[in-house]
Amino acid sequence: MLGAQVTFGGILLVALVSAFLPVPMAFDVAIAFIAWRSGMPLPHAVKILCTLGIVSVYSLSVVGKSLSWRITAAANATVAALGTLAGLLARFIA
């Protein structure tokens, strides 16, 4: 599915999903590179690189329980928005 045509909805969906995934630090670089070299379009690889290692479901649950679920939603939305913006920029530049 990720090898299909790059659309705004696809960019947003992948950014939202990759912002939740728990991935060790620096492993996101390897995942994005391998996926890109395997045929994933550049905008998807860029947004995975920008969103995968920043927050995860574990860190969001800790912030939600200790501070506020509203702050958690805002943090996840911010990361997803920045990843979406990076993916859109990669789509139009490359």
N, C-alpha and C. Protein backbone atom coordinates (compact mmCIF):
# COMPACT_ATOMS: atom_id res chain seq x y z
N MET A 1 0.81 -1.19 0.00
CA MET A 1 0.00 0.00 0.00
C MET A 1 0.86 1.26 0.00
N LEU A 2 1.99 1.23 0.69
CA LEU A 2 2.83 2.41 0.75
C LEU A 2 3.54 2.69 -0.57
N GLY A 3 3.57 1.72 -1.46
CA GLY A 3 4.18 1.94 -2.76
C GLY A 3 3.24 2.60 -3.74
N ALA A 4 2.00 2.87 -3.34
CA ALA A 4 1.00 3.48 -4.21
C ALA A 4 1.28 4.97 -4.37
N GLN A 5 0.41 5.63 -5.11
CA GLN A 5 0.55 7.06 -5.34
C GLN A 5 0.48 7.82 -4.02
N VAL A 6 1.28 8.85 -3.89
CA VAL A 6 1.35 9.64 -2.67
C VAL A 6 0.23 10.68 -2.68
N THR A 7 -0.64 10.62 -1.66
CA THR A 7 -1.73 11.58 -1.52
C THR A 7 -1.65 12.24 -0.15
N PHE A 8 -2.38 13.32 0.02
CA PHE A 8 -2.40 14.00 1.31
C PHE A 8 -2.97 13.09 2.40
N GLY A 9 -4.03 12.36 2.09
CA GLY A 9 -4.62 11.44 3.06
C GLY A 9 -3.66 10.34 3.47
N GLY A 10 -2.91 9.82 2.51
CA GLY A 10 -1.92 8.80 2.83
C GLY A 10 -0.80 9.34 3.68
N ILE A 11 -0.37 10.55 3.37
CA ILE A 11 0.69 11.17 4.17
C ILE A 11 0.22 11.38 5.60
N LEU A 12 -1.01 11.87 5.75
CA LEU A 12 -1.55 12.11 7.09
C LEU A 12 -1.74 10.81 7.86
N LEU A 13 -2.25 9.78 7.21
CA LEU A 13 -2.47 8.49 7.87
C LEU A 13 -1.16 7.86 8.35
N VAL A 14 -0.16 7.85 7.50
CA VAL A 14 1.13 7.27 7.90
C VAL A 14 1.77 8.09 9.01
N ALA A 15 1.62 9.40 8.98
CA ALA A 15 2.18 10.24 10.05
C ALA A 15 1.49 9.96 11.38
N LEU A 16 0.18 9.80 11.37
CA LEU A 16 -0.54 9.50 12.61
C LEU A 16 -0.17 8.14 13.18
N VAL A 17 -0.06 7.15 12.31
CA VAL A 17 0.29 5.80 12.78
C VAL A 17 1.73 5.74 13.27
N SER A 18 2.64 6.34 12.53
CA SER A 18 4.05 6.24 12.92
C SER A 18 4.35 7.05 14.18
N ALA A 19 3.51 8.02 14.51
CA ALA A 19 3.73 8.77 15.75
C ALA A 19 3.41 7.93 16.98
N PHE A 20 2.62 6.87 16.84
CA PHE A 20 2.26 6.02 17.97
C PHE A 20 3.22 4.85 18.19
N LEU A 21 3.94 4.43 17.17
CA LEU A 21 4.72 3.20 17.25
C LEU A 21 5.92 3.34 18.18
N PRO A 22 6.11 2.39 19.08
CA PRO A 22 7.29 2.42 19.96
C PRO A 22 8.51 1.85 19.26
N VAL A 23 9.44 2.71 18.94
CA VAL A 23 10.65 2.32 18.22
C VAL A 23 11.85 2.86 18.98
N PRO A 24 12.90 2.04 19.18
CA PRO A 24 14.09 2.54 19.86
C PRO A 24 14.75 3.69 19.11
N MET A 25 15.48 4.50 19.85
CA MET A 25 16.17 5.64 19.25
C MET A 25 17.14 5.17 18.17
N ALA A 26 17.22 5.92 17.11
CA ALA A 26 18.10 5.70 15.95
C ALA A 26 17.67 4.52 15.09
N PHE A 27 16.70 3.73 15.54
CA PHE A 27 16.19 2.64 14.71
C PHE A 27 15.28 3.19 13.63
N ASP A 28 14.70 4.37 13.88
CA ASP A 28 13.84 4.99 12.88
C ASP A 28 14.60 5.36 11.62
N VAL A 29 15.86 5.72 11.77
CA VAL A 29 16.69 6.04 10.61
C VAL A 29 16.89 4.80 9.74
N ALA A 30 17.17 3.68 10.38
CA ALA A 30 17.35 2.43 9.64
C ALA A 30 16.07 1.99 8.95
N ILE A 31 14.94 2.12 9.65
CA ILE A 31 13.66 1.72 9.06
C ILE A 31 13.32 2.59 7.86
N ALA A 32 13.49 3.89 7.99
CA ALA A 32 13.18 4.81 6.89
C ALA A 32 14.10 4.55 5.69
N PHE A 33 15.37 4.32 5.93
CA PHE A 33 16.31 4.07 4.84
C PHE A 33 15.99 2.76 4.12
N ILE A 34 15.76 1.71 4.88
CA ILE A 34 15.47 0.41 4.27
C ILE A 34 14.16 0.46 3.50
N ALA A 35 13.15 1.12 4.06
CA ALA A 35 11.87 1.23 3.36
C ALA A 35 12.01 2.05 2.08
N TRP A 36 12.77 3.13 2.13
CA TRP A 36 12.97 3.97 0.95
C TRP A 36 13.73 3.21 -0.13
N ARG A 37 14.77 2.49 0.25
CA ARG A 37 15.55 1.71 -0.72
C ARG A 37 14.75 0.53 -1.27
N SER A 38 13.72 0.09 -0.55
CA SER A 38 12.88 -1.02 -1.00
C SER A 38 11.74 -0.57 -1.90
N GLY A 39 11.63 0.73 -2.15
CA GLY A 39 10.63 1.22 -3.07
C GLY A 39 9.56 2.11 -2.49
N MET A 40 9.64 2.40 -1.21
CA MET A 40 8.67 3.31 -0.62
C MET A 40 8.91 4.72 -1.18
N PRO A 41 7.85 5.44 -1.52
CA PRO A 41 8.05 6.81 -2.01
C PRO A 41 8.75 7.69 -0.97
N LEU A 42 9.53 8.64 -1.44
CA LEU A 42 10.31 9.51 -0.57
C LEU A 42 9.46 10.25 0.47
N PRO A 43 8.28 10.80 0.12
CA PRO A 43 7.49 11.50 1.17
C PRO A 43 7.11 10.61 2.34
N HIS A 44 6.79 9.34 2.09
CA HIS A 44 6.47 8.43 3.19
C HIS A 44 7.70 8.15 4.05
N ALA A 45 8.84 7.98 3.42
CA ALA A 45 10.08 7.73 4.18
C ALA A 45 10.45 8.95 5.02
N VAL A 46 10.27 10.13 4.48
CA VAL A 46 10.59 11.36 5.21
C VAL A 46 9.69 11.51 6.43
N LYS A 47 8.41 11.28 6.27
CA LYS A 47 7.53 11.45 7.44
C LYS A 47 7.72 10.37 8.47
N ILE A 48 8.09 9.16 8.05
CA ILE A 48 8.42 8.12 9.02
C ILE A 48 9.67 8.53 9.79
N LEU A 49 10.63 9.09 9.10
CA LEU A 49 11.85 9.55 9.75
C LEU A 49 11.57 10.66 10.75
N CYS A 50 10.62 11.53 10.43
CA CYS A 50 10.32 12.68 11.29
C CYS A 50 9.38 12.35 12.45
N THR A 51 8.62 11.27 12.37
CA THR A 51 7.64 11.00 13.43
C THR A 51 7.90 9.74 14.23
N LEU A 52 8.67 8.82 13.71
CA LEU A 52 8.77 7.50 14.33
C LEU A 52 9.45 7.51 15.70
N GLY A 53 10.51 8.24 15.86
CA GLY A 53 11.25 8.16 17.12
C GLY A 53 10.95 9.25 18.12
N ILE A 54 10.08 10.19 17.80
CA ILE A 54 9.87 11.34 18.67
C ILE A 54 8.99 10.99 19.86
N VAL A 55 7.81 10.49 19.61
CA VAL A 55 6.90 10.06 20.68
C VAL A 55 6.42 8.66 20.36
N SER A 56 5.89 8.00 21.36
CA SER A 56 5.32 6.67 21.16
C SER A 56 4.13 6.51 22.09
N VAL A 57 3.47 5.40 21.95
CA VAL A 57 2.30 5.14 22.78
C VAL A 57 2.70 5.07 24.25
N TYR A 58 3.91 4.62 24.56
CA TYR A 58 4.34 4.53 25.95
C TYR A 58 4.55 5.91 26.56
N SER A 59 5.28 6.76 25.87
CA SER A 59 5.51 8.10 26.41
C SER A 59 4.22 8.90 26.47
N LEU A 60 3.35 8.71 25.49
CA LEU A 60 2.07 9.42 25.52
C LEU A 60 1.19 8.96 26.67
N SER A 61 1.24 7.67 27.00
CA SER A 61 0.43 7.18 28.13
C SER A 61 0.95 7.71 29.46
N VAL A 62 2.27 7.84 29.59
CA VAL A 62 2.83 8.39 30.83
C VAL A 62 2.44 9.86 30.98
N VAL A 63 2.56 10.62 29.90
CA VAL A 63 2.17 12.03 29.96
C VAL A 63 0.68 12.16 30.23
N GLY A 64 -0.12 11.31 29.61
CA GLY A 64 -1.56 11.38 29.82
C GLY A 64 -1.97 11.07 31.25
N LYS A 65 -1.32 10.09 31.86
CA LYS A 65 -1.67 9.72 33.24
C LYS A 65 -1.14 10.73 34.26
N SER A 66 0.05 11.28 34.00
CA SER A 66 0.64 12.17 35.00
C SER A 66 0.23 13.63 34.82
N LEU A 67 0.04 14.09 33.59
CA LEU A 67 -0.32 15.49 33.38
C LEU A 67 -1.76 15.64 32.90
N SER A 68 -1.96 15.35 31.63
CA SER A 68 -3.28 15.56 31.06
C SER A 68 -3.38 14.83 29.72
N TRP A 69 -4.54 14.27 29.46
CA TRP A 69 -4.76 13.62 28.16
C TRP A 69 -4.88 14.66 27.06
N ARG A 70 -5.25 15.86 27.42
CA ARG A 70 -5.32 16.94 26.45
C ARG A 70 -3.93 17.32 25.95
N ILE A 71 -2.98 17.39 26.86
CA ILE A 71 -1.59 17.66 26.47
C ILE A 71 -1.06 16.52 25.62
N THR A 72 -1.42 15.29 25.95
CA THR A 72 -1.01 14.13 25.17
C THR A 72 -1.52 14.21 23.75
N ALA A 73 -2.80 14.54 23.60
CA ALA A 73 -3.38 14.67 22.27
C ALA A 73 -2.73 15.80 21.49
N ALA A 74 -2.43 16.90 22.16
CA ALA A 74 -1.78 18.02 21.49
C ALA A 74 -0.37 17.67 21.06
N ALA A 75 0.36 16.95 21.89
CA ALA A 75 1.72 16.54 21.53
C ALA A 75 1.72 15.60 20.33
N ASN A 76 0.82 14.63 20.35
CA ASN A 76 0.74 13.69 19.23
C ASN A 76 0.30 14.39 17.95
N ALA A 77 -0.66 15.29 18.06
CA ALA A 77 -1.12 16.04 16.89
C ALA A 77 -0.01 16.93 16.33
N THR A 78 0.79 17.52 17.21
CA THR A 78 1.89 18.36 16.76
C THR A 78 2.94 17.55 16.01
N VAL A 79 3.30 16.40 16.55
CA VAL A 79 4.28 15.54 15.89
C VAL A 79 3.74 15.05 14.55
N ALA A 80 2.48 14.65 14.51
CA ALA A 80 1.87 14.19 13.26
C ALA A 80 1.78 15.32 12.25
N ALA A 81 1.47 16.53 12.70
CA ALA A 81 1.39 17.67 11.79
C ALA A 81 2.76 18.02 11.22
N LEU A 82 3.79 17.99 12.05
CA LEU A 82 5.13 18.27 11.55
C LEU A 82 5.60 17.18 10.58
N GLY A 83 5.26 15.93 10.86
CA GLY A 83 5.59 14.85 9.94
C GLY A 83 4.85 14.97 8.62
N THR A 84 3.59 15.38 8.71
CA THR A 84 2.81 15.59 7.50
C THR A 84 3.39 16.73 6.67
N LEU A 85 3.77 17.80 7.34
CA LEU A 85 4.39 18.92 6.64
C LEU A 85 5.70 18.50 5.98
N ALA A 86 6.50 17.73 6.67
CA ALA A 86 7.75 17.23 6.08
C ALA A 86 7.48 16.34 4.88
N GLY A 87 6.47 15.49 4.98
CA GLY A 87 6.12 14.63 3.85
C GLY A 87 5.63 15.42 2.65
N LEU A 88 4.81 16.45 2.91
CA LEU A 88 4.33 17.31 1.82
C LEU A 88 5.47 18.07 1.16
N LEU A 89 6.39 18.58 1.98
CA LEU A 89 7.54 19.28 1.41
C LEU A 89 8.39 18.34 0.56
N ALA A 90 8.58 17.12 1.03
CA ALA A 90 9.35 16.14 0.25
C ALA A 90 8.64 15.79 -1.05
N ARG A 91 7.33 15.77 -0.99
CA ARG A 91 6.55 15.45 -2.20
C ARG A 91 6.70 16.54 -3.26
N PHE A 92 6.67 17.79 -2.84
CA PHE A 92 6.73 18.88 -3.80
C PHE A 92 8.15 19.26 -4.20
N ILE A 93 9.13 18.98 -3.36
CA ILE A 93 10.52 19.31 -3.68
C ILE A 93 11.13 18.24 -4.57
N ALA A 94 10.87 16.97 -4.23
CA ALA A 94 11.52 15.88 -4.97
C ALA A 94 10.78 15.51 -6.22
